[in-house]
Amino acid sequence: MAKSKVQGEGDYEATRRYRKRTEQYLGTHDVEKDARRAAPRSRKDAESMAAAESAGKKRAKGEDPALRRRAAPRAKSSATRTRR
């Protein structure tokens, strides 16, 4: 019997490949420069990008509420806390 592979949201191998490629890209590219190059160059480009974003969001269930939530300060781990 062949080894079963976890697929869908639990596809661990795909997650590893994605993280590796993302880390490589971030380590070898000027992300700020790439962002400036991807920005709309005219009003027409901006409108086209907004229309494409709107079309993509039509099928979405909604925005992740975690994106709107303020990040709570992280508690120090028990290893770094001072003991009394």
PDB file of N, CA and C in Angstrom:
ATOM      1  N   MET A   1       0.843  -1.171   0.000  1.00  0.00           N
ATOM      2  CA  MET A   1       0.000   0.000   0.000  1.00  0.00           C
ATOM      3  C   MET A   1       0.888   1.235   0.000  1.00  0.00           C
ATOM      4  N   ALA A   2       0.558   2.190  -0.843  1.00  0.00           N
ATOM      5  CA  ALA A   2       1.363   3.412  -0.966  1.00  0.00           C
ATOM      6  C   ALA A   2       1.141   4.320   0.240  1.00  0.00           C
ATOM      7  N   LYS A   3       2.164   5.096   0.519  1.00  0.00           N
ATOM      8  CA  LYS A   3       2.078   6.058   1.606  1.00  0.00           C
ATOM      9  C   LYS A   3       1.010   7.101   1.287  1.00  0.00           C
ATOM     10  N   SER A   4       0.133   7.384   2.229  1.00  0.00           N
ATOM     11  CA  SER A   4      -0.900   8.377   1.971  1.00  0.00           C
ATOM     12  C   SER A   4      -0.326   9.768   2.205  1.00  0.00           C
ATOM     13  N   LYS A   5      -0.658  10.699   1.319  1.00  0.00           N
ATOM     14  CA  LYS A   5      -0.185  12.076   1.450  1.00  0.00           C
ATOM     15  C   LYS A   5      -1.335  12.942   1.922  1.00  0.00           C
ATOM     16  N   VAL A   6      -1.050  13.810   2.842  1.00  0.00           N
ATOM     17  CA  VAL A   6      -2.053  14.750   3.321  1.00  0.00           C
ATOM     18  C   VAL A   6      -2.166  15.851   2.281  1.00  0.00           C
ATOM     19  N   GLN A   7      -3.375  16.171   1.886  1.00  0.00           N
ATOM     20  CA  GLN A   7      -3.589  17.211   0.882  1.00  0.00           C
ATOM     21  C   GLN A   7      -4.499  18.286   1.447  1.00  0.00           C
ATOM     22  N   GLY A   8      -4.716  19.326   0.671  1.00  0.00           N
ATOM     23  CA  GLY A   8      -5.585  20.417   1.113  1.00  0.00           C
ATOM     24  C   GLY A   8      -4.854  21.316   2.086  1.00  0.00           C
ATOM     25  N   GLU A   9      -5.553  21.777   3.093  1.00  0.00           N
ATOM     26  CA  GLU A   9      -4.956  22.696   4.050  1.00  0.00           C
ATOM     27  C   GLU A   9      -3.872  22.039   4.885  1.00  0.00           C
ATOM     28  N   GLY A  10      -3.827  20.743   4.894  1.00  0.00           N
ATOM     29  CA  GLY A  10      -2.831  20.045   5.683  1.00  0.00           C
ATOM     30  C   GLY A  10      -1.665  19.532   4.865  1.00  0.00           C
ATOM     31  N   ASP A  11      -1.442  20.094   3.676  1.00  0.00           N
ATOM     32  CA  ASP A  11      -0.366  19.631   2.803  1.00  0.00           C
ATOM     33  C   ASP A  11       0.962  20.216   3.287  1.00  0.00           C
ATOM     34  N   TYR A  12       1.609  19.503   4.192  1.00  0.00           N
ATOM     35  CA  TYR A  12       2.820  19.998   4.845  1.00  0.00           C
ATOM     36  C   TYR A  12       3.981  20.182   3.877  1.00  0.00           C
ATOM     37  N   GLU A  13       4.112  19.297   2.918  1.00  0.00           N
ATOM     38  CA  GLU A  13       5.200  19.410   1.948  1.00  0.00           C
ATOM     39  C   GLU A  13       5.043  20.674   1.107  1.00  0.00           C
ATOM     40  N   ALA A  14       3.829  20.984   0.701  1.00  0.00           N
ATOM     41  CA  ALA A  14       3.591  22.211  -0.070  1.00  0.00           C
ATOM     42  C   ALA A  14       3.910  23.438   0.779  1.00  0.00           C
ATOM     43  N   THR A  15       3.600  23.382   2.054  1.00  0.00           N
ATOM     44  CA  THR A  15       3.912  24.494   2.953  1.00  0.00           C
ATOM     45  C   THR A  15       5.416  24.691   3.054  1.00  0.00           C
ATOM     46  N   ARG A  16       6.160  23.611   3.166  1.00  0.00           N
ATOM     47  CA  ARG A  16       7.621  23.709   3.239  1.00  0.00           C
ATOM     48  C   ARG A  16       8.199  24.310   1.957  1.00  0.00           C
ATOM     49  N   ARG A  17       7.687  23.843   0.807  1.00  0.00           N
ATOM     50  CA  ARG A  17       8.176  24.386  -0.465  1.00  0.00           C
ATOM     51  C   ARG A  17       7.863  25.871  -0.573  1.00  0.00           C
ATOM     52  N   TYR A  18       6.662  26.278  -0.189  1.00  0.00           N
ATOM     53  CA  TYR A  18       6.268  27.691  -0.239  1.00  0.00           C
ATOM     54  C   TYR A  18       7.168  28.538   0.657  1.00  0.00           C
ATOM     55  N   ARG A  19       7.371  28.088   1.880  1.00  0.00           N
ATOM     56  CA  ARG A  19       8.217  28.859   2.812  1.00  0.00           C
ATOM     57  C   ARG A  19       9.646  28.987   2.295  1.00  0.00           C
ATOM     58  N   LYS A  20      10.169  27.902   1.748  1.00  0.00           N
ATOM     59  CA  LYS A  20      11.540  27.933   1.230  1.00  0.00           C
ATOM     60  C   LYS A  20      11.653  28.923   0.081  1.00  0.00           C
ATOM     61  N   ARG A  21      10.731  28.875  -0.877  1.00  0.00           N
ATOM     62  CA  ARG A  21      10.771  29.797  -2.020  1.00  0.00           C
ATOM     63  C   ARG A  21      10.575  31.237  -1.575  1.00  0.00           C
ATOM     64  N   THR A  22       9.690  31.455  -0.604  1.00  0.00           N
ATOM     65  CA  THR A  22       9.447  32.807  -0.108  1.00  0.00           C
ATOM     66  C   THR A  22      10.691  33.357   0.569  1.00  0.00           C
ATOM     67  N   GLU A  23      11.329  32.560   1.406  1.00  0.00           N
ATOM     68  CA  GLU A  23      12.555  32.997   2.080  1.00  0.00           C
ATOM     69  C   GLU A  23      13.656  33.283   1.064  1.00  0.00           C
ATOM     70  N   GLN A  24      13.772  32.454   0.035  1.00  0.00           N
ATOM     71  CA  GLN A  24      14.779  32.692  -1.000  1.00  0.00           C
ATOM     72  C   GLN A  24      14.499  34.008  -1.723  1.00  0.00           C
ATOM     73  N   TYR A  25      13.246  34.249  -2.059  1.00  0.00           N
ATOM     74  CA  TYR A  25      12.885  35.489  -2.767  1.00  0.00           C
ATOM     75  C   TYR A  25      13.201  36.701  -1.901  1.00  0.00           C
ATOM     76  N   LEU A  26      12.792  36.658  -0.649  1.00  0.00           N
ATOM     77  CA  LEU A  26      13.016  37.792   0.241  1.00  0.00           C
ATOM     78  C   LEU A  26      14.503  38.041   0.481  1.00  0.00           C
ATOM     79  N   GLY A  27      15.288  36.987   0.440  1.00  0.00           N
ATOM     80  CA  GLY A  27      16.717  37.130   0.663  1.00  0.00           C
ATOM     81  C   GLY A  27      17.491  37.603  -0.550  1.00  0.00           C
ATOM     82  N   THR A  28      16.903  37.491  -1.741  1.00  0.00           N
ATOM     83  CA  THR A  28      17.641  37.821  -2.961  1.00  0.00           C
ATOM     84  C   THR A  28      17.044  38.965  -3.767  1.00  0.00           C
ATOM     85  N   HIS A  29      15.927  39.519  -3.330  1.00  0.00           N
ATOM     86  CA  HIS A  29      15.275  40.586  -4.087  1.00  0.00           C
ATOM     87  C   HIS A  29      15.062  41.825  -3.226  1.00  0.00           C
ATOM     88  N   ASP A  30      15.008  42.964  -3.884  1.00  0.00           N
ATOM     89  CA  ASP A  30      14.691  44.225  -3.222  1.00  0.00           C
ATOM     90  C   ASP A  30      13.172  44.368  -3.262  1.00  0.00           C
ATOM     91  N   VAL A  31      12.507  43.986  -2.178  1.00  0.00           N
ATOM     92  CA  VAL A  31      11.048  43.933  -2.134  1.00  0.00           C
ATOM     93  C   VAL A  31      10.447  45.336  -2.290  1.00  0.00           C
ATOM     94  N   GLU A  32      11.066  46.338  -1.682  1.00  0.00           N
ATOM     95  CA  GLU A  32      10.568  47.713  -1.814  1.00  0.00           C
ATOM     96  C   GLU A  32      10.601  48.157  -3.269  1.00  0.00           C
ATOM     97  N   LYS A  33      11.678  47.847  -3.965  1.00  0.00           N
ATOM     98  CA  LYS A  33      11.806  48.204  -5.380  1.00  0.00           C
ATOM     99  C   LYS A  33      10.748  47.473  -6.209  1.00  0.00           C
ATOM    100  N   ASP A  34      10.556  46.189  -5.920  1.00  0.00           N
ATOM    101  CA  ASP A  34       9.544  45.410  -6.630  1.00  0.00           C
ATOM    102  C   ASP A  34       8.153  46.004  -6.422  1.00  0.00           C
ATOM    103  N   ALA A  35       7.870  46.448  -5.193  1.00  0.00           N
ATOM    104  CA  ALA A  35       6.562  47.034  -4.891  1.00  0.00           C
ATOM    105  C   ALA A  35       6.372  48.340  -5.670  1.00  0.00           C
ATOM    106  N   ARG A  36       7.422  49.149  -5.728  1.00  0.00           N
ATOM    107  CA  ARG A  36       7.322  50.409  -6.495  1.00  0.00           C
ATOM    108  C   ARG A  36       7.101  50.126  -7.972  1.00  0.00           C
ATOM    109  N   ARG A  37       7.767  49.103  -8.500  1.00  0.00           N
ATOM    110  CA  ARG A  37       7.613  48.764  -9.916  1.00  0.00           C
ATOM    111  C   ARG A  37       6.212  48.220 -10.214  1.00  0.00           C
ATOM    112  N   ALA A  38       5.573  47.600  -9.221  1.00  0.00           N
ATOM    113  CA  ALA A  38       4.237  47.022  -9.424  1.00  0.00           C
ATOM    114  C   ALA A  38       3.125  48.048  -9.233  1.00  0.00           C
ATOM    115  N   ALA A  39       3.463  49.213  -8.710  1.00  0.00           N
ATOM    116  CA  ALA A  39       2.444  50.243  -8.456  1.00  0.00           C
ATOM    117  C   ALA A  39       1.864  50.737  -9.776  1.00  0.00           C
ATOM    118  N   PRO A  40       0.600  51.166  -9.752  1.00  0.00           N
ATOM    119  CA  PRO A  40      -0.008  51.680 -10.988  1.00  0.00           C
ATOM    120  C   PRO A  40       0.731  52.925 -11.479  1.00  0.00           C
ATOM    121  N   ARG A  41       0.900  53.023 -12.795  1.00  0.00           N
ATOM    122  CA  ARG A  41       1.627  54.149 -13.374  1.00  0.00           C
ATOM    123  C   ARG A  41       0.697  55.257 -13.850  1.00  0.00           C
ATOM    124  N   SER A  42      -0.575  54.967 -13.902  1.00  0.00           N
ATOM    125  CA  SER A  42      -1.536  55.978 -14.357  1.00  0.00           C
ATOM    126  C   SER A  42      -2.861  55.761 -13.633  1.00  0.00           C
ATOM    127  N   ARG A  43      -3.745  56.714 -13.796  1.00  0.00           N
ATOM    128  CA  ARG A  43      -5.079  56.589 -13.204  1.00  0.00           C
ATOM    129  C   ARG A  43      -5.809  55.378 -13.793  1.00  0.00           C
ATOM    130  N   LYS A  44      -5.619  55.161 -15.106  1.00  0.00           N
ATOM    131  CA  LYS A  44      -6.260  54.028 -15.773  1.00  0.00           C
ATOM    132  C   LYS A  44      -5.767  52.705 -15.180  1.00  0.00           C
ATOM    133  N   ASP A  45      -4.442  52.603 -14.927  1.00  0.00           N
ATOM    134  CA  ASP A  45      -3.880  51.403 -14.303  1.00  0.00           C
ATOM    135  C   ASP A  45      -4.478  51.199 -12.907  1.00  0.00           C
ATOM    136  N   ALA A  46      -4.581  52.287 -12.141  1.00  0.00           N
ATOM    137  CA  ALA A  46      -5.121  52.192 -10.779  1.00  0.00           C
ATOM    138  C   ALA A  46      -6.565  51.710 -10.809  1.00  0.00           C
ATOM    139  N   GLU A  47      -7.351  52.234 -11.746  1.00  0.00           N
ATOM    140  CA  GLU A  47      -8.751  51.818 -11.861  1.00  0.00           C
ATOM    141  C   GLU A  47      -8.851  50.357 -12.274  1.00  0.00           C
ATOM    142  N   SER A  48      -7.983  49.937 -13.168  1.00  0.00           N
ATOM    143  CA  SER A  48      -7.973  48.542 -13.624  1.00  0.00           C
ATOM    144  C   SER A  48      -7.609  47.601 -12.473  1.00  0.00           C
ATOM    145  N   MET A  49      -6.620  48.001 -11.682  1.00  0.00           N
ATOM    146  CA  MET A  49      -6.225  47.177 -10.530  1.00  0.00           C
ATOM    147  C   MET A  49      -7.341  47.106  -9.497  1.00  0.00           C
ATOM    148  N   ALA A  50      -8.016  48.224  -9.265  1.00  0.00           N
ATOM    149  CA  ALA A  50      -9.123  48.246  -8.306  1.00  0.00           C
ATOM    150  C   ALA A  50     -10.268  47.355  -8.788  1.00  0.00           C
ATOM    151  N   ALA A  51     -10.547  47.390 -10.097  1.00  0.00           N
ATOM    152  CA  ALA A  51     -11.609  46.549 -10.660  1.00  0.00           C
ATOM    153  C   ALA A  51     -11.252  45.065 -10.519  1.00  0.00           C
ATOM    154  N   ALA A  52      -9.991  44.729 -10.765  1.00  0.00           N
ATOM    155  CA  ALA A  52      -9.558  43.336 -10.640  1.00  0.00           C
ATOM    156  C   ALA A  52      -9.655  42.876  -9.187  1.00  0.00           C
ATOM    157  N   GLU A  53      -9.277  43.738  -8.252  1.00  0.00           N
ATOM    158  CA  GLU A  53      -9.386  43.392  -6.837  1.00  0.00           C
ATOM    159  C   GLU A  53     -10.840  43.175  -6.445  1.00  0.00           C
ATOM    160  N   SER A  54     -11.702  44.061  -6.922  1.00  0.00           N
ATOM    161  CA  SER A  54     -13.128  43.946  -6.616  1.00  0.00           C
ATOM    162  C   SER A  54     -13.703  42.639  -7.168  1.00  0.00           C
ATOM    163  N   ALA A  55     -13.326  42.299  -8.388  1.00  0.00           N
ATOM    164  CA  ALA A  55     -13.805  41.059  -8.998  1.00  0.00           C
ATOM    165  C   ALA A  55     -13.338  39.849  -8.193  1.00  0.00           C
ATOM    166  N   GLY A  56     -12.119  39.901  -7.706  1.00  0.00           N
ATOM    167  CA  GLY A  56     -11.600  38.792  -6.910  1.00  0.00           C
ATOM    168  C   GLY A  56     -12.303  38.660  -5.576  1.00  0.00           C
ATOM    169  N   LYS A  57     -12.697  39.788  -5.007  1.00  0.00           N
ATOM    170  CA  LYS A  57     -13.348  39.764  -3.695  1.00  0.00           C
ATOM    171  C   LYS A  57     -14.820  39.357  -3.765  1.00  0.00           C
ATOM    172  N   LYS A  58     -15.424  39.381  -4.937  1.00  0.00           N
ATOM    173  CA  LYS A  58     -16.844  39.032  -5.066  1.00  0.00           C
ATOM    174  C   LYS A  58     -17.147  37.631  -4.558  1.00  0.00           C
ATOM    175  N   ARG A  59     -16.221  36.727  -4.738  1.00  0.00           N
ATOM    176  CA  ARG A  59     -16.451  35.336  -4.339  1.00  0.00           C
ATOM    177  C   ARG A  59     -15.933  35.042  -2.944  1.00  0.00           C
ATOM    178  N   ALA A  60     -15.263  36.005  -2.345  1.00  0.00           N
ATOM    179  CA  ALA A  60     -14.682  35.787  -1.021  1.00  0.00           C
ATOM    180  C   ALA A  60     -15.772  35.765   0.048  1.00  0.00           C
ATOM    181  N   LYS A  61     -15.521  35.037   1.110  1.00  0.00           N
ATOM    182  CA  LYS A  61     -16.471  34.965   2.219  1.00  0.00           C
ATOM    183  C   LYS A  61     -16.388  36.202   3.086  1.00  0.00           C
ATOM    184  N   GLY A  62     -15.316  36.924   2.986  1.00  0.00           N
ATOM    185  CA  GLY A  62     -15.125  38.122   3.794  1.00  0.00           C
ATOM    186  C   GLY A  62     -13.680  38.246   4.210  1.00  0.00           C
ATOM    187  N   GLU A  63     -13.348  39.398   4.711  1.00  0.00           N
ATOM    188  CA  GLU A  63     -11.976  39.640   5.129  1.00  0.00           C
ATOM    189  C   GLU A  63     -11.725  38.983   6.473  1.00  0.00           C
ATOM    190  N   ASP A  64     -10.530  38.536   6.651  1.00  0.00           N
ATOM    191  CA  ASP A  64     -10.133  37.904   7.903  1.00  0.00           C
ATOM    192  C   ASP A  64     -10.171  38.947   9.017  1.00  0.00           C
ATOM    193  N   PRO A  65     -10.983  38.744  10.047  1.00  0.00           N
ATOM    194  CA  PRO A  65     -11.079  39.732  11.121  1.00  0.00           C
ATOM    195  C   PRO A  65      -9.751  39.951  11.836  1.00  0.00           C
ATOM    196  N   ALA A  66      -8.849  39.002  11.756  1.00  0.00           N
ATOM    197  CA  ALA A  66      -7.543  39.161  12.399  1.00  0.00           C
ATOM    198  C   ALA A  66      -6.747  40.279  11.748  1.00  0.00           C
ATOM    199  N   LEU A  67      -7.044  40.592  10.496  1.00  0.00           N
ATOM    200  CA  LEU A  67      -6.337  41.680   9.826  1.00  0.00           C
ATOM    201  C   LEU A  67      -6.716  43.034  10.408  1.00  0.00           C
ATOM    202  N   ARG A  68      -7.905  43.161  10.925  1.00  0.00           N
ATOM    203  CA  ARG A  68      -8.391  44.420  11.488  1.00  0.00           C
ATOM    204  C   ARG A  68      -8.054  44.559  12.969  1.00  0.00           C
ATOM    205  N   ARG A  69      -7.864  43.446  13.628  1.00  0.00           N
ATOM    206  CA  ARG A  69      -7.598  43.434  15.059  1.00  0.00           C
ATOM    207  C   ARG A  69      -6.199  43.960  15.335  1.00  0.00           C
ATOM    208  N   ARG A  70      -6.080  44.778  16.351  1.00  0.00           N
ATOM    209  CA  ARG A  70      -4.745  45.250  16.732  1.00  0.00           C
ATOM    210  C   ARG A  70      -3.984  44.088  17.343  1.00  0.00           C
ATOM    211  N   ALA A  71      -2.725  44.051  17.035  1.00  0.00           N
ATOM    212  CA  ALA A  71      -1.889  42.981  17.587  1.00  0.00           C
ATOM    213  C   ALA A  71      -1.697  43.219  19.075  1.00  0.00           C
ATOM    214  N   ALA A  72      -2.034  42.236  19.856  1.00  0.00           N
ATOM    215  CA  ALA A  72      -1.851  42.329  21.303  1.00  0.00           C
ATOM    216  C   ALA A  72      -0.383  42.099  21.610  1.00  0.00           C
ATOM    217  N   PRO A  73       0.140  42.793  22.596  1.00  0.00           N
ATOM    218  CA  PRO A  73       1.548  42.560  22.950  1.00  0.00           C
ATOM    219  C   PRO A  73       1.734  41.124  23.410  1.00  0.00           C
ATOM    220  N   ARG A  74       2.797  40.538  22.970  1.00  0.00           N
ATOM    221  CA  ARG A  74       3.067  39.143  23.328  1.00  0.00           C
ATOM    222  C   ARG A  74       3.601  39.063  24.739  1.00  0.00           C
ATOM    223  N   ALA A  75       3.120  38.069  25.449  1.00  0.00           N
ATOM    224  CA  ALA A  75       3.621  37.820  26.809  1.00  0.00           C
ATOM    225  C   ALA A  75       4.979  37.158  26.696  1.00  0.00           C
ATOM    226  N   LYS A  76       5.829  37.442  27.636  1.00  0.00           N
ATOM    227  CA  LYS A  76       7.142  36.805  27.642  1.00  0.00           C
ATOM    228  C   LYS A  76       6.970  35.326  27.942  1.00  0.00           C
ATOM    229  N   SER A  77       7.797  34.531  27.320  1.00  0.00           N
ATOM    230  CA  SER A  77       7.706  33.098  27.585  1.00  0.00           C
ATOM    231  C   SER A  77       8.179  32.815  29.003  1.00  0.00           C
ATOM    232  N   SER A  78       7.768  31.699  29.519  1.00  0.00           N
ATOM    233  CA  SER A  78       8.117  31.345  30.897  1.00  0.00           C
ATOM    234  C   SER A  78       9.625  31.211  31.072  1.00  0.00           C
ATOM    235  N   ALA A  79      10.342  30.914  30.014  1.00  0.00           N
ATOM    236  CA  ALA A  79      11.790  30.752  30.101  1.00  0.00           C
ATOM    237  C   ALA A  79      12.481  32.098  30.315  1.00  0.00           C
ATOM    238  N   THR A  80      11.873  33.194  29.852  1.00  0.00           N
ATOM    239  CA  THR A  80      12.525  34.493  29.971  1.00  0.00           C
ATOM    240  C   THR A  80      11.995  35.301  31.134  1.00  0.00           C
ATOM    241  N   ARG A  81      10.970  34.830  31.810  1.00  0.00           N
ATOM    242  CA  ARG A  81      10.445  35.536  32.973  1.00  0.00           C
ATOM    243  C   ARG A  81      11.404  35.412  34.148  1.00  0.00           C
ATOM    244  N   THR A  82      11.463  36.454  34.939  1.00  0.00           N
ATOM    245  CA  THR A  82      12.309  36.361  36.138  1.00  0.00           C
ATOM    246  C   THR A  82      11.518  35.651  37.222  1.00  0.00           C
ATOM    247  N   ARG A  83      12.190  34.833  37.938  1.00  0.00           N
ATOM    248  CA  ARG A  83      11.529  34.073  38.997  1.00  0.00           C
ATOM    249  C   ARG A  83      11.766  34.761  40.323  1.00  0.00           C
ATOM    250  N   ARG A  84      10.769  34.684  41.165  1.00  0.00           N
ATOM    251  CA  ARG A  84      10.860  35.310  42.505  1.00  0.00           C
ATOM    252  C   ARG A  84      11.107  34.294  43.558  1.00  0.00           C
TER     253      ARG A  84
END
